[in-house]
PDB file of all heavy atoms in Angstrom:
ATOM      1  N   ALA A   1      21.046  11.617   3.787  1.00  0.00           N
ATOM      2  CA  ALA A   1      19.730  11.973   4.253  1.00  0.00           C
ATOM      3  C   ALA A   1      18.800  12.171   3.014  1.00  0.00           C
ATOM      4  O   ALA A   1      17.644  11.801   3.040  1.00  0.00           O
ATOM      5  CB  ALA A   1      19.751  13.175   5.115  1.00  0.00           C
ATOM      6  N   GLN A   2      19.318  12.761   1.961  1.00  0.00           N
ATOM      7  CA  GLN A   2      18.562  12.995   0.727  1.00  0.00           C
ATOM      8  C   GLN A   2      18.133  11.620   0.067  1.00  0.00           C
ATOM      9  O   GLN A   2      17.035  11.396  -0.306  1.00  0.00           O
ATOM     10  CB  GLN A   2      19.250  13.824  -0.237  1.00  0.00           C
ATOM     11  CG  GLN A   2      18.548  14.103  -1.543  1.00  0.00           C
ATOM     12  CD  GLN A   2      19.422  14.753  -2.605  1.00  0.00           C
ATOM     13  OE1 GLN A   2      20.618  14.934  -2.462  1.00  0.00           O
ATOM     14  NE2 GLN A   2      18.794  15.149  -3.654  1.00  0.00           N
ATOM     15  N   ILE A   3      19.122  10.769   0.064  1.00  0.00           N
ATOM     16  CA  ILE A   3      18.858   9.445  -0.541  1.00  0.00           C
ATOM     17  C   ILE A   3      17.858   8.675   0.292  1.00  0.00           C
ATOM     18  O   ILE A   3      16.903   8.049  -0.153  1.00  0.00           O
ATOM     19  CB  ILE A   3      20.190   8.616  -0.703  1.00  0.00           C
ATOM     20  CG1 ILE A   3      21.100   9.255  -1.770  1.00  0.00           C
ATOM     21  CG2 ILE A   3      19.907   7.168  -1.029  1.00  0.00           C
ATOM     22  CD1 ILE A   3      22.457   8.758  -1.850  1.00  0.00           C
ATOM     23  N   ALA A   4      18.043   8.792   1.659  1.00  0.00           N
ATOM     24  CA  ALA A   4      17.095   8.079   2.562  1.00  0.00           C
ATOM     25  C   ALA A   4      15.662   8.610   2.356  1.00  0.00           C
ATOM     26  O   ALA A   4      14.716   7.895   2.453  1.00  0.00           O
ATOM     27  CB  ALA A   4      17.554   8.253   3.994  1.00  0.00           C
ATOM     28  N   GLY A   5      15.578   9.954   2.196  1.00  0.00           N
ATOM     29  CA  GLY A   5      14.263  10.563   1.981  1.00  0.00           C
ATOM     30  C   GLY A   5      13.616  10.028   0.691  1.00  0.00           C
ATOM     31  O   GLY A   5      12.413   9.811   0.669  1.00  0.00           O
ATOM     32  N   SER A   6      14.449   9.882  -0.350  1.00  0.00           N
ATOM     33  CA  SER A   6      13.890   9.310  -1.586  1.00  0.00           C
ATOM     34  C   SER A   6      13.472   7.896  -1.425  1.00  0.00           C
ATOM     35  O   SER A   6      12.416   7.480  -1.975  1.00  0.00           O
ATOM     36  CB  SER A   6      14.957   9.375  -2.715  1.00  0.00           C
ATOM     37  OG  SER A   6      15.316  10.720  -2.986  1.00  0.00           O
ATOM     38  N   ILE A   7      14.209   7.132  -0.641  1.00  0.00           N
ATOM     39  CA  ILE A   7      13.802   5.762  -0.397  1.00  0.00           C
ATOM     40  C   ILE A   7      12.493   5.694   0.351  1.00  0.00           C
ATOM     41  O   ILE A   7      11.588   4.859   0.053  1.00  0.00           O
ATOM     42  CB  ILE A   7      14.938   5.000   0.362  1.00  0.00           C
ATOM     43  CG1 ILE A   7      16.144   4.807  -0.520  1.00  0.00           C
ATOM     44  CG2 ILE A   7      14.444   3.626   0.878  1.00  0.00           C
ATOM     45  CD1 ILE A   7      17.416   4.308   0.152  1.00  0.00           C
ATOM     46  N   ARG A   8      12.371   6.515   1.382  1.00  0.00           N
ATOM     47  CA  ARG A   8      11.130   6.612   2.140  1.00  0.00           C
ATOM     48  C   ARG A   8       9.916   7.000   1.289  1.00  0.00           C
ATOM     49  O   ARG A   8       8.850   6.402   1.392  1.00  0.00           O
ATOM     50  CB  ARG A   8      11.222   7.618   3.297  1.00  0.00           C
ATOM     51  CG  ARG A   8      11.820   7.055   4.556  1.00  0.00           C
ATOM     52  CD  ARG A   8      11.693   7.959   5.746  1.00  0.00           C
ATOM     53  NE  ARG A   8      12.471   9.147   5.567  1.00  0.00           N
ATOM     54  CZ  ARG A   8      13.771   9.283   5.901  1.00  0.00           C
ATOM     55  NH1 ARG A   8      14.434   8.219   6.325  1.00  0.00           N
ATOM     56  NH2 ARG A   8      14.402  10.415   5.768  1.00  0.00           N
ATOM     57  N   LYS A   9      10.171   7.928   0.389  1.00  0.00           N
ATOM     58  CA  LYS A   9       9.088   8.381  -0.484  1.00  0.00           C
ATOM     59  C   LYS A   9       8.668   7.224  -1.408  1.00  0.00           C
ATOM     60  O   LYS A   9       7.412   7.003  -1.603  1.00  0.00           O
ATOM     61  CB  LYS A   9       9.547   9.566  -1.344  1.00  0.00           C
ATOM     62  CG  LYS A   9       8.491  10.168  -2.176  1.00  0.00           C
ATOM     63  CD  LYS A   9       9.005  11.412  -2.940  1.00  0.00           C
ATOM     64  CE  LYS A   9       7.935  11.914  -3.876  1.00  0.00           C
ATOM     65  NZ  LYS A   9       8.422  13.097  -4.632  1.00  0.00           N
ATOM     66  N   GLY A  10       9.599   6.507  -1.932  1.00  0.00           N
ATOM     67  CA  GLY A  10       9.250   5.358  -2.806  1.00  0.00           C
ATOM     68  C   GLY A  10       8.561   4.248  -2.042  1.00  0.00           C
ATOM     69  O   GLY A  10       7.605   3.587  -2.488  1.00  0.00           O
ATOM     70  N   ALA A  11       9.024   3.983  -0.788  1.00  0.00           N
ATOM     71  CA  ALA A  11       8.412   2.936   0.055  1.00  0.00           C
ATOM     72  C   ALA A  11       7.000   3.329   0.363  1.00  0.00           C
ATOM     73  O   ALA A  11       6.084   2.425   0.378  1.00  0.00           O
ATOM     74  CB  ALA A  11       9.237   2.718   1.306  1.00  0.00           C
ATOM     75  N   ASN A  12       6.757   4.563   0.694  1.00  0.00           N
ATOM     76  CA  ASN A  12       5.392   5.015   0.988  1.00  0.00           C
ATOM     77  C   ASN A  12       4.476   4.889  -0.197  1.00  0.00           C
ATOM     78  O   ASN A  12       3.304   4.508  -0.056  1.00  0.00           O
ATOM     79  CB  ASN A  12       5.383   6.439   1.509  1.00  0.00           C
ATOM     80  CG  ASN A  12       5.954   6.538   2.937  1.00  0.00           C
ATOM     81  OD1 ASN A  12       5.967   5.598   3.645  1.00  0.00           O
ATOM     82  ND2 ASN A  12       6.463   7.768   3.228  1.00  0.00           N
ATOM     83  N   ALA A  13       4.984   5.221  -1.430  1.00  0.00           N
ATOM     84  CA  ALA A  13       4.161   5.086  -2.596  1.00  0.00           C
ATOM     85  C   ALA A  13       3.861   3.609  -2.843  1.00  0.00           C
ATOM     86  O   ALA A  13       2.728   3.282  -3.249  1.00  0.00           O
ATOM     87  CB  ALA A  13       4.939   5.685  -3.827  1.00  0.00           C
ATOM     88  N   TYR A  14       4.813   2.731  -2.644  1.00  0.00           N
ATOM     89  CA  TYR A  14       4.609   1.320  -2.809  1.00  0.00           C
ATOM     90  C   TYR A  14       3.503   0.815  -1.847  1.00  0.00           C
ATOM     91  O   TYR A  14       2.574   0.094  -2.259  1.00  0.00           O
ATOM     92  CB  TYR A  14       5.912   0.560  -2.553  1.00  0.00           C
ATOM     93  CG  TYR A  14       5.729  -0.942  -2.367  1.00  0.00           C
ATOM     94  CD1 TYR A  14       5.469  -1.809  -3.445  1.00  0.00           C
ATOM     95  CD2 TYR A  14       5.800  -1.484  -1.087  1.00  0.00           C
ATOM     96  CE1 TYR A  14       5.337  -3.145  -3.273  1.00  0.00           C
ATOM     97  CE2 TYR A  14       5.636  -2.830  -0.864  1.00  0.00           C
ATOM     98  CZ  TYR A  14       5.378  -3.641  -1.972  1.00  0.00           C
ATOM     99  OH  TYR A  14       5.227  -5.012  -1.780  1.00  0.00           O
ATOM    100  N   LEU A  15       3.652   1.167  -0.570  1.00  0.00           N
ATOM    101  CA  LEU A  15       2.644   0.733   0.398  1.00  0.00           C
ATOM    102  C   LEU A  15       1.247   1.307   0.093  1.00  0.00           C
ATOM    103  O   LEU A  15       0.249   0.516   0.229  1.00  0.00           O
ATOM    104  CB  LEU A  15       3.055   1.223   1.812  1.00  0.00           C
ATOM    105  CG  LEU A  15       4.146   0.417   2.488  1.00  0.00           C
ATOM    106  CD1 LEU A  15       4.493   1.040   3.871  1.00  0.00           C
ATOM    107  CD2 LEU A  15       3.732  -1.060   2.650  1.00  0.00           C
ATOM    108  N   LYS A  16       1.180   2.490  -0.377  1.00  0.00           N
ATOM    109  CA  LYS A  16      -0.115   3.118  -0.698  1.00  0.00           C
ATOM    110  C   LYS A  16      -0.775   2.284  -1.818  1.00  0.00           C
ATOM    111  O   LYS A  16      -1.995   1.932  -1.763  1.00  0.00           O
ATOM    112  CB  LYS A  16       0.031   4.569  -1.106  1.00  0.00           C
ATOM    113  CG  LYS A  16      -1.273   5.265  -1.368  1.00  0.00           C
ATOM    114  CD  LYS A  16      -1.045   6.700  -1.713  1.00  0.00           C
ATOM    115  CE  LYS A  16      -2.327   7.430  -2.027  1.00  0.00           C
ATOM    116  NZ  LYS A  16      -2.151   8.822  -2.365  1.00  0.00           N
ATOM    117  N   ARG A  17      -0.030   1.978  -2.820  1.00  0.00           N
ATOM    118  CA  ARG A  17      -0.540   1.206  -3.963  1.00  0.00           C
ATOM    119  C   ARG A  17      -0.926  -0.225  -3.549  1.00  0.00           C
ATOM    120  O   ARG A  17      -2.002  -0.720  -3.879  1.00  0.00           O
ATOM    121  CB  ARG A  17       0.439   1.192  -5.102  1.00  0.00           C
ATOM    122  CG  ARG A  17      -0.058   0.489  -6.298  1.00  0.00           C
ATOM    123  CD  ARG A  17       0.965   0.463  -7.445  1.00  0.00           C
ATOM    124  NE  ARG A  17       0.451  -0.295  -8.569  1.00  0.00           N
ATOM    125  CZ  ARG A  17       0.075   0.263  -9.718  1.00  0.00           C
ATOM    126  NH1 ARG A  17       0.137   1.543  -9.892  1.00  0.00           N
ATOM    127  NH2 ARG A  17      -0.378  -0.538 -10.649  1.00  0.00           N
ATOM    128  N   GLN A  18      -0.055  -0.821  -2.756  1.00  0.00           N
ATOM    129  CA  GLN A  18      -0.302  -2.199  -2.329  1.00  0.00           C
ATOM    130  C   GLN A  18      -1.532  -2.280  -1.400  1.00  0.00           C
ATOM    131  O   GLN A  18      -2.378  -3.134  -1.590  1.00  0.00           O
ATOM    132  CB  GLN A  18       0.924  -2.744  -1.616  1.00  0.00           C
ATOM    133  CG  GLN A  18       0.695  -4.195  -1.122  1.00  0.00           C
ATOM    134  CD  GLN A  18       1.878  -4.684  -0.334  1.00  0.00           C
ATOM    135  OE1 GLN A  18       2.682  -3.936   0.210  1.00  0.00           O
ATOM    136  NE2 GLN A  18       2.034  -5.989  -0.234  1.00  0.00           N
ATOM    137  N   TYR A  19      -1.639  -1.381  -0.493  1.00  0.00           N
ATOM    138  CA  TYR A  19      -2.775  -1.393   0.471  1.00  0.00           C
ATOM    139  C   TYR A  19      -4.105  -1.065  -0.248  1.00  0.00           C
ATOM    140  O   TYR A  19      -5.097  -1.537   0.149  1.00  0.00           O
ATOM    141  CB  TYR A  19      -2.510  -0.457   1.621  1.00  0.00           C
ATOM    142  CG  TYR A  19      -1.498  -0.976   2.618  1.00  0.00           C
ATOM    143  CD1 TYR A  19      -1.038  -0.223   3.696  1.00  0.00           C
ATOM    144  CD2 TYR A  19      -0.963  -2.263   2.516  1.00  0.00           C
ATOM    145  CE1 TYR A  19      -0.148  -0.765   4.586  1.00  0.00           C
ATOM    146  CE2 TYR A  19      -0.048  -2.778   3.400  1.00  0.00           C
ATOM    147  CZ  TYR A  19       0.391  -1.971   4.417  1.00  0.00           C
ATOM    148  OH  TYR A  19       1.266  -2.487   5.359  1.00  0.00           O
ATOM    149  N   ARG A  20      -4.040  -0.283  -1.295  1.00  0.00           N
ATOM    150  CA  ARG A  20      -5.264   0.010  -2.004  1.00  0.00           C
ATOM    151  C   ARG A  20      -5.755  -1.243  -2.723  1.00  0.00           C
ATOM    152  O   ARG A  20      -6.938  -1.602  -2.633  1.00  0.00           O
ATOM    153  CB  ARG A  20      -5.008   1.071  -3.120  1.00  0.00           C
ATOM    154  CG  ARG A  20      -6.318   1.513  -3.784  1.00  0.00           C
ATOM    155  CD  ARG A  20      -6.035   2.605  -4.818  1.00  0.00           C
ATOM    156  NE  ARG A  20      -5.308   3.748  -4.205  1.00  0.00           N
ATOM    157  CZ  ARG A  20      -4.325   4.322  -4.829  1.00  0.00           C
ATOM    158  NH1 ARG A  20      -3.845   3.892  -5.973  1.00  0.00           N
ATOM    159  NH2 ARG A  20      -3.698   5.364  -4.275  1.00  0.00           N
ATOM    160  N   ALA A  21      -4.889  -2.054  -3.312  1.00  0.00           N
ATOM    161  CA  ALA A  21      -5.277  -3.269  -3.940  1.00  0.00           C
ATOM    162  C   ALA A  21      -5.755  -4.312  -2.917  1.00  0.00           C
ATOM    163  O   ALA A  21      -6.756  -5.050  -3.093  1.00  0.00           O
ATOM    164  CB  ALA A  21      -4.093  -3.856  -4.760  1.00  0.00           C
ATOM    165  N   VAL A  22      -4.958  -4.459  -1.812  1.00  0.00           N
ATOM    166  CA  VAL A  22      -5.288  -5.411  -0.799  1.00  0.00           C
ATOM    167  C   VAL A  22      -6.655  -5.083  -0.130  1.00  0.00           C
ATOM    168  O   VAL A  22      -7.422  -5.957   0.180  1.00  0.00           O
ATOM    169  CB  VAL A  22      -4.163  -5.539   0.270  1.00  0.00           C
ATOM    170  CG1 VAL A  22      -4.594  -6.274   1.499  1.00  0.00           C
ATOM    171  CG2 VAL A  22      -2.951  -6.168  -0.373  1.00  0.00           C
ATOM    172  N   SER A  23      -6.956  -3.792   0.033  1.00  0.00           N
ATOM    173  CA  SER A  23      -8.217  -3.408   0.674  1.00  0.00           C
ATOM    174  C   SER A  23      -9.389  -3.851  -0.189  1.00  0.00           C
ATOM    175  O   SER A  23     -10.444  -4.214   0.324  1.00  0.00           O
ATOM    176  CB  SER A  23      -8.255  -1.958   1.057  1.00  0.00           C
ATOM    177  OG  SER A  23      -7.887  -1.145   0.035  1.00  0.00           O
ATOM    178  N   LEU A  24      -9.258  -3.780  -1.515  1.00  0.00           N
ATOM    179  CA  LEU A  24     -10.364  -4.250  -2.368  1.00  0.00           C
ATOM    180  C   LEU A  24     -10.589  -5.744  -2.155  1.00  0.00           C
ATOM    181  O   LEU A  24     -11.720  -6.183  -2.128  1.00  0.00           O
ATOM    182  CB  LEU A  24      -9.992  -3.926  -3.853  1.00  0.00           C
ATOM    183  CG  LEU A  24      -9.985  -2.485  -4.238  1.00  0.00           C
ATOM    184  CD1 LEU A  24      -9.519  -2.338  -5.673  1.00  0.00           C
ATOM    185  CD2 LEU A  24     -11.328  -1.797  -3.997  1.00  0.00           C
ATOM    186  N   PHE A  25      -9.500  -6.471  -2.069  1.00  0.00           N
ATOM    187  CA  PHE A  25      -9.572  -7.977  -1.815  1.00  0.00           C
ATOM    188  C   PHE A  25     -10.278  -8.141  -0.447  1.00  0.00           C
ATOM    189  O   PHE A  25     -11.174  -9.026  -0.313  1.00  0.00           O
ATOM    190  CB  PHE A  25      -8.237  -8.569  -1.843  1.00  0.00           C
ATOM    191  CG  PHE A  25      -8.199 -10.041  -1.408  1.00  0.00           C
ATOM    192  CD1 PHE A  25      -8.637 -11.048  -2.257  1.00  0.00           C
ATOM    193  CD2 PHE A  25      -7.786 -10.337  -0.104  1.00  0.00           C
ATOM    194  CE1 PHE A  25      -8.653 -12.349  -1.821  1.00  0.00           C
ATOM    195  CE2 PHE A  25      -7.786 -11.645   0.333  1.00  0.00           C
ATOM    196  CZ  PHE A  25      -8.159 -12.681  -0.558  1.00  0.00           C
ATOM    197  N   PHE A  26      -9.852  -7.419   0.557  1.00  0.00           N
ATOM    198  CA  PHE A  26     -10.423  -7.592   1.917  1.00  0.00           C
ATOM    199  C   PHE A  26     -11.895  -7.258   1.937  1.00  0.00           C
ATOM    200  O   PHE A  26     -12.667  -7.933   2.586  1.00  0.00           O
ATOM    201  CB  PHE A  26      -9.661  -6.788   2.934  1.00  0.00           C
ATOM    202  CG  PHE A  26      -8.589  -7.527   3.614  1.00  0.00           C
ATOM    203  CD1 PHE A  26      -7.340  -7.587   3.034  1.00  0.00           C
ATOM    204  CD2 PHE A  26      -8.736  -8.171   4.786  1.00  0.00           C
ATOM    205  CE1 PHE A  26      -6.288  -8.290   3.620  1.00  0.00           C
ATOM    206  CE2 PHE A  26      -7.763  -8.920   5.403  1.00  0.00           C
ATOM    207  CZ  PHE A  26      -6.512  -8.948   4.780  1.00  0.00           C
ATOM    208  N   ILE A  27     -12.270  -6.269   1.177  1.00  0.00           N
ATOM    209  CA  ILE A  27     -13.731  -5.899   1.155  1.00  0.00           C
ATOM    210  C   ILE A  27     -14.542  -7.021   0.543  1.00  0.00           C
ATOM    211  O   ILE A  27     -15.564  -7.395   1.036  1.00  0.00           O
ATOM    212  CB  ILE A  27     -13.920  -4.547   0.439  1.00  0.00           C
ATOM    213  CG1 ILE A  27     -13.422  -3.413   1.302  1.00  0.00           C
ATOM    214  CG2 ILE A  27     -15.363  -4.339   0.102  1.00  0.00           C
ATOM    215  CD1 ILE A  27     -13.295  -2.069   0.528  1.00  0.00           C
ATOM    216  N   ALA A  28     -14.020  -7.532  -0.580  1.00  0.00           N
ATOM    217  CA  ALA A  28     -14.711  -8.677  -1.272  1.00  0.00           C
ATOM    218  C   ALA A  28     -14.826  -9.902  -0.342  1.00  0.00           C
ATOM    219  O   ALA A  28     -15.885 -10.519  -0.253  1.00  0.00           O
ATOM    220  CB  ALA A  28     -13.989  -9.053  -2.530  1.00  0.00           C
ATOM    221  N   VAL A  29     -13.737 -10.259   0.272  1.00  0.00           N
ATOM    222  CA  VAL A  29     -13.794 -11.436   1.148  1.00  0.00           C
ATOM    223  C   VAL A  29     -14.629 -11.184   2.392  1.00  0.00           C
ATOM    224  O   VAL A  29     -15.397 -12.112   2.854  1.00  0.00           O
ATOM    225  CB  VAL A  29     -12.366 -11.927   1.580  1.00  0.00           C
ATOM    226  CG1 VAL A  29     -12.396 -12.993   2.628  1.00  0.00           C
ATOM    227  CG2 VAL A  29     -11.570 -12.314   0.327  1.00  0.00           C
ATOM    228  N   PHE A  30     -14.595  -9.973   2.901  1.00  0.00           N
ATOM    229  CA  PHE A  30     -15.479  -9.627   4.048  1.00  0.00           C
ATOM    230  C   PHE A  30     -16.984  -9.802   3.692  1.00  0.00           C
ATOM    231  O   PHE A  30     -17.733 -10.390   4.449  1.00  0.00           O
ATOM    232  CB  PHE A  30     -15.220  -8.205   4.497  1.00  0.00           C
ATOM    233  CG  PHE A  30     -16.210  -7.736   5.529  1.00  0.00           C
ATOM    234  CD1 PHE A  30     -16.084  -8.127   6.867  1.00  0.00           C
ATOM    235  CD2 PHE A  30     -17.238  -6.906   5.174  1.00  0.00           C
ATOM    236  CE1 PHE A  30     -16.973  -7.711   7.840  1.00  0.00           C
ATOM    237  CE2 PHE A  30     -18.153  -6.472   6.126  1.00  0.00           C
ATOM    238  CZ  PHE A  30     -18.011  -6.890   7.482  1.00  0.00           C
ATOM    239  N   VAL A  31     -17.317  -9.335   2.479  1.00  0.00           N
ATOM    240  CA  VAL A  31     -18.721  -9.450   2.034  1.00  0.00           C
ATOM    241  C   VAL A  31     -19.120 -10.925   1.912  1.00  0.00           C
ATOM    242  O   VAL A  31     -20.206 -11.335   2.298  1.00  0.00           O
ATOM    243  CB  VAL A  31     -18.942  -8.636   0.727  1.00  0.00           C
ATOM    244  CG1 VAL A  31     -20.299  -9.014   0.134  1.00  0.00           C
ATOM    245  CG2 VAL A  31     -18.822  -7.148   1.014  1.00  0.00           C
ATOM    246  N   ILE A  32     -18.217 -11.736   1.299  1.00  0.00           N
ATOM    247  CA  ILE A  32     -18.495 -13.167   1.126  1.00  0.00           C
ATOM    248  C   ILE A  32     -18.666 -13.805   2.496  1.00  0.00           C
ATOM    249  O   ILE A  32     -19.586 -14.587   2.684  1.00  0.00           O
ATOM    250  CB  ILE A  32     -17.364 -13.795   0.320  1.00  0.00           C
ATOM    251  CG1 ILE A  32     -17.408 -13.345  -1.146  1.00  0.00           C
ATOM    252  CG2 ILE A  32     -17.502 -15.369   0.373  1.00  0.00           C
ATOM    253  CD1 ILE A  32     -16.173 -13.715  -1.982  1.00  0.00           C
ATOM    254  N   LEU A  33     -17.748 -13.532   3.439  1.00  0.00           N
ATOM    255  CA  LEU A  33     -17.816 -14.146   4.730  1.00  0.00           C
ATOM    256  C   LEU A  33     -19.084 -13.654   5.481  1.00  0.00           C
ATOM    257  O   LEU A  33     -19.728 -14.448   6.195  1.00  0.00           O
ATOM    258  CB  LEU A  33     -16.604 -13.814   5.555  1.00  0.00           C
ATOM    259  CG  LEU A  33     -15.330 -14.478   5.140  1.00  0.00           C
ATOM    260  CD1 LEU A  33     -14.088 -13.945   5.907  1.00  0.00           C
ATOM    261  CD2 LEU A  33     -15.387 -15.973   5.281  1.00  0.00           C
TER     262      LEU A  33
END
């Protein structure tokens, strides 16, 4: 359970970073469209 919690924490950090970068791209493309 401890290892699974660490994996979840890492996955959430990854998603947060990825979605921050992707949202900048989406904003830019939205404005262009």
